[in-house]
Amino acid sequence: MAYQTDAHAHKVIELLKYANFNICINPQVLAIMGVDAEPRTRGLTRVRELVAAGVNVATAQDTICDGFHIFGTGDPLDYGMLMAYQAQYNSTEKVKIVYDMITENAARLMRIENYGISVGNPADFNIIYAPNEAEAFRTRPKRLVFKNGKLIARGEKRTELL
């Protein structure tokens, strides 16, 4: 939809909403793709318009250290930050939209039932040591990953000033 006319794109967005479609956008690959001559165009779709229309939009990555994305880490905070920049959601108020794309919206897209922390739900969750979404993206803080209540992974980026 990035290269469609506004009228056509808006019609497609209406149909996506009506059909209850989910959209998953891979921003890091879209940023490097393009086979036309320099300067190459980039094909990020109309993220803000999809979100404003109420279409469920998630962002994800399926390229980890491959020919499409040699910097791929598999870290949702990495591609969430790319989405924030490319879709121009790079303000404290709007970063929650992108955070939802890598959490709640992604779970809805994958049809994960019993998502979230609630009595009776599976004990699958992450602990992110950040005071808010913007700081989670900015600092890549210490994280703990739990599956069925068991700690299965942890990560921490450390920098020490000397």
Protein backbone atom coordinates (compact mmCIF):
# COMPACT_ATOMS: atom_id res chain seq x y z
CA MET A 1 0.00 0.00 0.00
CA ALA A 2 2.97 2.33 0.30
CA TYR A 3 2.86 3.11 -3.40
CA GLN A 4 -0.89 3.07 -3.94
CA THR A 5 -2.97 6.19 -4.37
CA ASP A 6 -4.59 7.51 -1.20
CA ALA A 7 -8.05 6.57 -2.49
CA HIS A 8 -7.02 2.99 -3.27
CA ALA A 9 -5.09 2.57 -0.01
CA HIS A 10 -8.00 3.87 2.06
CA LYS A 11 -10.36 1.43 0.34
CA VAL A 12 -7.97 -1.45 1.08
CA ILE A 13 -7.67 -0.34 4.70
CA GLU A 14 -11.48 -0.24 4.99
CA LEU A 15 -11.68 -3.78 3.61
CA LEU A 16 -8.94 -5.00 5.96
CA LYS A 17 -10.82 -3.57 8.93
CA TYR A 18 -14.14 -5.01 7.73
CA ALA A 19 -12.58 -8.46 7.25
CA ASN A 20 -10.89 -8.27 10.68
CA PHE A 21 -7.45 -8.79 9.14
CA ASN A 22 -4.25 -8.63 11.13
CA ILE A 23 -1.18 -7.01 9.60
CA CYS A 24 2.38 -7.88 10.59
CA ILE A 25 5.08 -5.52 9.36
CA ASN A 26 8.77 -6.41 9.13
CA PRO A 27 10.37 -2.93 9.21
CA GLN A 28 14.03 -3.91 9.11
CA VAL A 29 13.69 -5.88 5.87
CA LEU A 30 11.48 -3.24 4.30
CA ALA A 31 14.15 -0.65 5.06
CA ILE A 32 16.81 -2.50 3.07
CA MET A 33 14.71 -3.84 0.22
CA GLY A 34 14.25 -2.11 -3.07
CA VAL A 35 15.57 -3.18 -6.43
CA ASP A 36 15.14 0.06 -8.30
CA ALA A 37 17.95 2.45 -9.14
CA GLU A 38 19.49 4.79 -6.58
CA PRO A 39 18.09 6.42 -4.61
CA ARG A 40 16.08 3.30 -3.78
CA THR A 41 12.55 3.69 -2.52
CA ARG A 42 11.53 1.92 0.65
CA GLY A 43 8.27 0.13 1.09
CA LEU A 44 7.00 0.61 4.63
CA THR A 45 3.25 0.41 4.43
CA ARG A 46 0.79 2.96 5.79
CA VAL A 47 1.25 2.02 9.43
CA ARG A 48 -0.32 5.11 11.00
CA GLU A 49 -3.36 4.92 8.74
CA LEU A 50 -3.87 1.22 9.52
CA VAL A 51 -3.60 1.88 13.27
CA ALA A 52 -5.93 4.89 13.07
CA ALA A 53 -8.50 2.76 11.23
CA GLY A 54 -8.45 0.16 14.00
CA VAL A 55 -6.67 -2.60 12.06
CA ASN A 56 -4.61 -4.84 14.35
CA VAL A 57 -0.98 -4.08 13.43
CA ALA A 58 1.96 -6.02 14.84
CA THR A 59 5.64 -5.84 14.05
CA ALA A 60 8.02 -8.76 14.05
CA GLN A 61 11.19 -10.13 12.56
CA ASP A 62 11.89 -13.45 10.91
CA THR A 63 15.41 -12.65 9.79
CA ILE A 64 18.22 -13.28 12.23
CA CYS A 65 21.75 -12.93 10.85
CA ASP A 66 20.81 -13.84 7.30
CA GLY A 67 21.10 -12.22 3.88
CA PHE A 68 18.10 -9.99 4.48
CA HIS A 69 19.16 -8.62 7.85
CA ILE A 70 22.70 -9.33 9.03
CA PHE A 71 22.09 -7.35 12.21
CA GLY A 72 19.03 -9.38 13.25
CA THR A 73 18.94 -10.24 16.93
CA GLY A 74 15.45 -11.63 17.41
CA ASP A 75 14.89 -8.95 20.03
CA PRO A 76 11.42 -7.37 19.79
CA LEU A 77 12.78 -4.15 21.28
CA ASP A 78 15.18 -3.82 18.33
CA TYR A 79 12.57 -4.07 15.60
CA GLY A 80 10.06 -2.15 17.69
CA MET A 81 12.47 0.77 17.74
CA LEU A 82 12.92 0.49 13.97
CA MET A 83 9.15 0.59 13.58
CA ALA A 84 8.92 3.63 15.83
CA TYR A 85 11.39 5.53 13.67
CA GLN A 86 10.06 4.41 10.30
CA ALA A 87 6.40 4.97 11.16
CA GLN A 88 7.29 8.21 12.97
CA TYR A 89 6.00 7.01 16.33
CA ASN A 90 9.09 8.38 18.04
CA SER A 91 7.51 10.39 20.82
CA THR A 92 6.91 9.41 24.42
CA GLU A 93 3.15 9.52 23.88
CA LYS A 94 3.15 7.38 20.73
CA VAL A 95 5.74 4.78 21.69
CA LYS A 96 3.00 2.83 23.53
CA ILE A 97 1.46 2.09 20.11
CA VAL A 98 4.67 0.37 19.02
CA TYR A 99 5.05 -1.43 22.35
CA ASP A 100 1.56 -2.84 21.84
CA MET A 101 2.64 -4.00 18.36
CA ILE A 102 5.31 -6.27 19.88
CA THR A 103 3.13 -7.49 22.76
CA GLU A 104 -0.67 -7.41 22.77
CA ASN A 105 -1.16 -6.93 19.03
CA ALA A 106 1.30 -9.71 18.20
CA ALA A 107 -0.50 -12.07 20.60
CA ARG A 108 -3.85 -11.21 19.00
CA LEU A 109 -2.39 -11.80 15.53
CA MET A 110 -1.13 -15.24 16.60
CA ARG A 111 -4.51 -15.97 18.19
CA ILE A 112 -2.93 -16.63 21.58
CA GLU A 113 -5.77 -17.28 23.97
CA ASN A 114 -5.55 -16.26 27.61
CA TYR A 115 -2.95 -13.60 26.86
CA GLY A 116 -1.91 -11.37 29.71
CA ILE A 117 -1.57 -11.74 33.43
CA SER A 118 -4.81 -13.03 34.87
CA VAL A 119 -5.97 -15.86 37.12
CA GLY A 120 -6.03 -19.09 35.12
CA ASN A 121 -3.81 -17.86 32.30
CA PRO A 122 -0.51 -19.58 31.53
CA ALA A 123 2.40 -18.09 33.45
CA ASP A 124 4.21 -16.94 30.29
CA PHE A 125 5.57 -13.44 30.73
CA ASN A 126 8.56 -11.12 30.53
CA ILE A 127 9.90 -8.84 33.20
CA ILE A 128 11.50 -5.75 31.70
CA TYR A 129 13.39 -3.55 34.14
CA ALA A 130 12.26 -0.20 32.74
CA PRO A 131 9.93 2.45 34.16
CA ASN A 132 8.01 2.83 30.88
CA GLU A 133 7.86 1.73 27.25
CA ALA A 134 10.12 4.48 25.93
CA GLU A 135 12.87 3.57 28.38
CA ALA A 136 12.54 -0.11 27.47
CA PHE A 137 13.26 0.73 23.83
CA ARG A 138 15.94 3.28 24.64
CA THR A 139 18.00 1.40 27.23
CA ARG A 140 17.44 -2.30 26.40
CA PRO A 141 17.32 -3.05 30.14
CA LYS A 142 17.72 -6.29 32.01
CA ARG A 143 14.98 -8.78 31.11
CA LEU A 144 13.70 -12.08 32.40
CA VAL A 145 11.61 -14.48 30.28
CA PHE A 146 9.27 -17.00 31.89
CA LYS A 147 7.45 -19.94 30.30
CA ASN A 148 4.92 -21.85 32.41
CA GLY A 149 6.24 -19.99 35.43
CA LYS A 150 9.83 -21.13 34.87
CA LEU A 151 12.67 -18.72 34.08
CA ILE A 152 13.94 -19.77 30.65
CA ALA A 153 16.05 -16.79 29.54
CA ARG A 154 17.57 -13.60 30.82
CA GLY A 155 19.45 -10.80 29.19
CA GLU A 156 21.21 -7.67 30.20
CA LYS A 157 23.08 -5.05 28.24
CA ARG A 158 25.78 -3.54 30.39
CA THR A 159 27.90 -0.47 29.97
CA GLU A 160 30.35 0.69 32.57
CA LEU A 161 31.78 4.19 32.61
CA LEU A 162 35.35 4.31 33.89
